[in-house]
């Protein structure tokens, strides 16, 4: 791995070119040889590929021209921030695929996703600064309970919270990119605080107090807005029940 000192001509680099990957960590900018990840072709991987393929096919061959135009219009006014901190915009198809996949994972009707959001903002995410995890059973097992006392700033009855978890990490770990596995979906009621979510660990692990588990979550609004992903590494606490 080589460190990089940028000049006035090039101030930042991300991504890969010619087999070299450019990135940045706490030590500064660096580049490394690009590696090709192993694809185990597992059942979950096949299901994920099939879901994205179905989303693209539906956008291309099922939605009407007017519906595709509506998604393009929505995408054109909902920005995101790239790795350089610049404002960018997804295409209408990319926004549709995002909503389609979230809808399927949340158990919503795929047919309802054809309608583009009329509110031209992304769904606001949940305030998660007080989230904690406790064991969901008296003995160490694969059951976890996620709790929080804060109320979301933008909550309507029927809003959905999608929760994903990753593999346990060490206490020194401050960031976990993935992979994450879908764990559960929870439904909001208007004015409620973030609801407790009790899940069975999707990795079928024996979870115990003291473990650090990466988690990510996002909100799916009734009008198909999907919030940005929020990630945190949470400490598993002792069993909170009787």
Protein backbone atom coordinates (compact mmCIF):
# COMPACT_ATOMS: atom_id res chain seq x y z
CA UNK A 1 0.00 0.00 0.00
CA UNK A 2 1.38 3.43 -0.96
CA UNK A 3 0.41 6.79 0.51
CA UNK A 4 -0.46 9.67 -1.79
CA UNK A 5 0.30 13.39 -1.60
CA UNK A 6 -2.05 15.35 -3.84
CA UNK A 7 -1.14 18.45 -5.85
CA UNK A 8 -3.15 21.43 -7.04
CA UNK A 9 -4.07 19.48 -10.19
CA UNK A 10 -5.61 16.52 -8.32
CA UNK A 11 -6.94 17.11 -4.81
CA UNK A 12 -8.76 13.82 -4.17
CA UNK A 13 -9.16 10.34 -5.66
CA UNK A 14 -11.69 7.57 -5.09
CA UNK A 15 -12.62 4.40 -6.92
CA UNK A 16 -10.41 2.26 -9.16
CA UNK A 17 -8.58 2.50 -12.47
CA UNK A 18 -6.19 0.09 -14.18
CA UNK A 19 -6.31 -2.39 -11.31
CA UNK A 20 -5.49 0.28 -8.68
CA UNK A 21 -7.97 1.36 -6.00
CA UNK A 22 -7.81 4.88 -4.49
CA UNK A 23 -9.26 5.47 -1.04
CA UNK A 24 -8.70 7.20 2.31
CA UNK A 25 -8.55 6.13 5.96
CA UNK A 26 -7.46 7.70 9.25
CA UNK A 27 -3.86 7.70 8.03
CA UNK A 28 -4.66 9.67 4.89
CA UNK A 29 -5.10 8.89 1.19
CA UNK A 30 -3.73 5.59 -0.12
CA UNK A 31 -3.89 3.26 -3.12
CA UNK A 32 -3.84 -0.52 -3.31
CA UNK A 33 -4.18 -3.31 -5.84
CA UNK A 34 -7.75 -4.06 -6.75
CA UNK A 35 -8.93 -7.51 -5.67
CA UNK A 36 -11.87 -9.47 -7.03
CA UNK A 37 -14.18 -10.68 -4.25
CA UNK A 38 -15.19 -14.31 -4.04
CA UNK A 39 -18.80 -14.99 -5.01
CA UNK A 40 -20.02 -18.06 -3.13
CA UNK A 41 -23.27 -18.18 -5.16
CA UNK A 42 -25.18 -18.81 -1.97
CA UNK A 43 -28.98 -18.93 -1.85
CA UNK A 44 -29.14 -15.46 -0.26
CA UNK A 45 -26.83 -14.02 -2.90
CA UNK A 46 -28.94 -15.55 -5.67
CA UNK A 47 -32.11 -14.15 -4.11
CA UNK A 48 -30.60 -10.65 -3.90
CA UNK A 49 -29.51 -10.75 -7.56
CA UNK A 50 -32.95 -11.96 -8.59
CA UNK A 51 -34.62 -9.14 -6.65
CA UNK A 52 -32.53 -6.41 -8.31
CA UNK A 53 -33.08 -8.00 -11.72
CA UNK A 54 -36.84 -8.06 -11.15
CA UNK A 55 -36.78 -4.38 -10.11
CA UNK A 56 -34.95 -3.31 -13.28
CA UNK A 57 -37.22 -5.45 -15.46
CA UNK A 58 -40.34 -3.98 -13.84
CA UNK A 59 -39.14 -0.41 -14.33
CA UNK A 60 -38.25 -1.09 -17.98
CA UNK A 61 -41.12 -3.30 -19.10
CA UNK A 62 -44.03 -2.86 -16.69
CA UNK A 63 -44.15 0.81 -15.68
CA UNK A 64 -45.84 3.16 -18.09
CA UNK A 65 -43.94 5.99 -19.75
CA UNK A 66 -45.71 8.41 -17.41
CA UNK A 67 -44.69 6.44 -14.33
CA UNK A 68 -41.06 6.31 -15.46
CA UNK A 69 -41.14 10.05 -16.07
CA UNK A 70 -42.55 10.61 -12.57
CA UNK A 71 -39.66 8.65 -11.03
CA UNK A 72 -37.18 10.63 -13.14
CA UNK A 73 -38.73 13.87 -11.89
CA UNK A 74 -38.56 12.70 -8.28
CA UNK A 75 -34.92 11.62 -8.63
CA UNK A 76 -33.96 14.96 -10.17
CA UNK A 77 -34.84 16.90 -7.01
CA UNK A 78 -33.62 14.45 -4.35
CA UNK A 79 -29.82 14.72 -4.05
CA UNK A 80 -27.30 12.54 -2.27
CA UNK A 81 -23.72 13.24 -1.16
CA UNK A 82 -20.89 11.28 -2.81
CA UNK A 83 -17.55 10.25 -1.26
CA UNK A 84 -16.07 13.69 -2.03
CA UNK A 85 -18.92 15.50 -0.28
CA UNK A 86 -20.35 16.70 -3.60
CA UNK A 87 -24.07 16.78 -4.38
CA UNK A 88 -25.18 14.14 -6.89
CA UNK A 89 -28.46 12.74 -8.23
CA UNK A 90 -29.53 9.18 -8.97
CA UNK A 91 -31.45 8.34 -12.13
CA UNK A 92 -35.16 7.64 -12.00
CA UNK A 93 -34.48 3.93 -12.47
CA UNK A 94 -31.99 3.87 -9.59
CA UNK A 95 -34.49 5.55 -7.25
CA UNK A 96 -37.19 3.11 -8.35
CA UNK A 97 -34.95 0.08 -7.78
CA UNK A 98 -34.10 1.43 -4.31
CA UNK A 99 -37.79 1.73 -3.43
CA UNK A 100 -38.68 -1.62 -5.03
CA UNK A 101 -36.08 -3.58 -3.06
CA UNK A 102 -37.03 -1.82 0.18
CA UNK A 103 -40.72 -2.51 -0.46
CA UNK A 104 -40.16 -6.22 -1.03
CA UNK A 105 -37.99 -6.53 2.10
CA UNK A 106 -40.63 -4.67 4.09
CA UNK A 107 -43.47 -6.85 2.82
CA UNK A 108 -45.17 -4.05 0.86
CA UNK A 109 -46.99 -4.60 -2.41
CA UNK A 110 -44.72 -4.26 -5.42
CA UNK A 111 -47.63 -2.76 -7.37
CA UNK A 112 -47.73 0.24 -5.01
CA UNK A 113 -44.13 1.13 -5.87
CA UNK A 114 -45.16 2.17 -9.39
CA UNK A 115 -46.32 5.50 -7.94
CA UNK A 116 -43.44 7.93 -7.50
CA UNK A 117 -43.38 10.01 -4.29
CA UNK A 118 -45.09 13.37 -4.54
CA UNK A 119 -43.19 14.81 -1.57
CA UNK A 120 -39.88 15.83 -3.08
CA UNK A 121 -37.61 14.94 -0.19
CA UNK A 122 -36.06 11.75 1.09
CA UNK A 123 -37.58 10.15 4.14
CA UNK A 124 -36.03 11.53 7.30
CA UNK A 125 -34.15 8.94 9.27
CA UNK A 126 -34.74 8.02 12.88
CA UNK A 127 -32.77 9.67 15.65
CA UNK A 128 -30.76 6.70 16.88
CA UNK A 129 -28.29 8.21 19.35
CA UNK A 130 -29.76 6.31 22.32
CA UNK A 131 -30.15 2.91 20.67
CA UNK A 132 -28.96 -0.12 22.61
CA UNK A 133 -29.15 -3.87 22.18
CA UNK A 134 -30.05 -6.31 24.93
CA UNK A 135 -30.27 -10.07 24.84
CA UNK A 136 -33.78 -11.14 24.11
CA UNK A 137 -33.67 -14.28 26.23
CA UNK A 138 -32.48 -15.35 29.67
CA UNK A 139 -29.59 -17.31 28.22
CA UNK A 140 -27.19 -16.52 25.42
CA UNK A 141 -28.92 -17.32 22.15
CA UNK A 142 -29.70 -15.78 18.78
CA UNK A 143 -32.41 -13.40 20.04
CA UNK A 144 -31.72 -9.65 20.29
CA UNK A 145 -33.88 -6.68 21.31
CA UNK A 146 -33.19 -3.18 19.92
CA UNK A 147 -34.49 -0.33 22.08
CA UNK A 148 -34.60 3.46 21.79
CA UNK A 149 -36.43 6.24 23.67
CA UNK A 150 -36.36 8.99 21.04
CA UNK A 151 -39.31 9.77 18.77
CA UNK A 152 -38.63 10.14 15.03
CA UNK A 153 -38.86 13.69 13.70
CA UNK A 154 -40.91 12.66 10.67
CA UNK A 155 -43.19 9.76 11.56
CA UNK A 156 -46.53 8.75 10.12
CA UNK A 157 -48.68 5.71 10.81
CA UNK A 158 -47.54 2.91 8.54
CA UNK A 159 -43.91 4.00 8.20
CA UNK A 160 -41.58 1.01 8.15
CA UNK A 161 -38.17 0.50 9.76
CA UNK A 162 -35.85 -2.01 8.06
CA UNK A 163 -33.08 -3.46 10.22
CA UNK A 164 -29.95 -5.31 9.05
CA UNK A 165 -27.11 -6.76 11.14
CA UNK A 166 -23.53 -7.82 10.44
CA UNK A 167 -20.95 -10.12 11.98
CA UNK A 168 -19.62 -9.34 15.51
CA UNK A 169 -16.55 -7.11 15.63
CA UNK A 170 -13.88 -6.17 18.19
CA UNK A 171 -14.32 -3.12 20.48
CA UNK A 172 -11.59 -1.29 18.50
CA UNK A 173 -13.65 -1.41 15.32
CA UNK A 174 -15.26 1.93 14.50
CA UNK A 175 -16.65 1.24 11.02
CA UNK A 176 -18.16 -1.81 9.34
CA UNK A 177 -18.94 -1.66 5.62
CA UNK A 178 -20.60 -5.05 5.39
CA UNK A 179 -21.90 -7.48 4.52
CA UNK A 180 -25.19 -6.99 6.38
CA UNK A 181 -28.05 -9.46 6.46
CA UNK A 182 -31.73 -8.48 6.65
CA UNK A 183 -33.08 -9.08 10.17
CA UNK A 184 -36.57 -7.63 10.58
CA UNK A 185 -39.04 -4.88 9.75
CA UNK A 186 -41.07 -2.88 12.28
CA UNK A 187 -44.10 -0.61 11.74
CA UNK A 188 -44.43 2.86 13.26
CA UNK A 189 -47.58 4.38 14.69
CA UNK A 190 -47.92 8.16 14.50
CA UNK A 191 -46.11 9.93 17.35
CA UNK A 192 -44.51 6.79 18.71
CA UNK A 193 -40.92 6.54 19.80
CA UNK A 194 -38.75 4.10 17.91
CA UNK A 195 -40.39 0.74 18.67
CA UNK A 196 -38.55 -2.11 20.32
CA UNK A 197 -37.58 -4.70 17.72
CA UNK A 198 -36.88 -8.26 18.80
CA UNK A 199 -35.17 -10.37 16.17
CA UNK A 200 -33.73 -13.82 15.75
CA UNK A 201 -30.16 -13.32 14.59
CA UNK A 202 -30.09 -14.01 10.82
CA UNK A 203 -26.64 -15.58 11.16
CA UNK A 204 -27.96 -18.11 13.73
CA UNK A 205 -25.27 -17.09 16.24
CA UNK A 206 -25.23 -17.45 20.00
CA UNK A 207 -25.45 -13.77 21.00
CA UNK A 208 -24.30 -12.72 24.46
CA UNK A 209 -23.69 -9.60 26.53
CA UNK A 210 -20.44 -7.85 25.65
CA UNK A 211 -20.58 -8.54 21.91
CA UNK A 212 -20.29 -5.63 19.46
CA UNK A 213 -22.65 -6.05 16.50
CA UNK A 214 -22.73 -3.75 13.44
CA UNK A 215 -26.25 -2.66 12.50
CA UNK A 216 -27.80 -0.60 9.74
CA UNK A 217 -31.34 0.69 9.32
CA UNK A 218 -33.49 2.85 7.07
CA UNK A 219 -37.06 4.14 6.93
CA UNK A 220 -39.52 3.33 4.14
CA UNK A 221 -42.32 5.89 3.97
CA UNK A 222 -45.85 5.09 2.86
CA UNK A 223 -45.33 7.22 -0.28
CA UNK A 224 -42.22 5.18 -1.26
CA UNK A 225 -39.58 7.62 -0.04
CA UNK A 226 -36.60 5.69 1.31
CA UNK A 227 -34.26 7.25 3.85
CA UNK A 228 -30.47 7.14 3.63
CA UNK A 229 -28.88 4.23 5.49
CA UNK A 230 -27.64 4.83 9.04
CA UNK A 231 -25.00 2.52 10.52
CA UNK A 232 -23.70 1.97 14.06
CA UNK A 233 -21.76 -0.65 15.99
CA UNK A 234 -23.85 -1.44 19.07
CA UNK A 235 -22.88 -3.16 22.31
CA UNK A 236 -25.05 -6.07 23.40
CA UNK A 237 -26.19 -5.64 26.98
CA UNK A 238 -27.32 -8.15 29.57
CA UNK A 239 -30.71 -9.79 29.41
CA UNK A 240 -33.24 -7.12 30.35
CA UNK A 241 -36.21 -9.35 31.17
CA UNK A 242 -37.34 -10.99 34.39
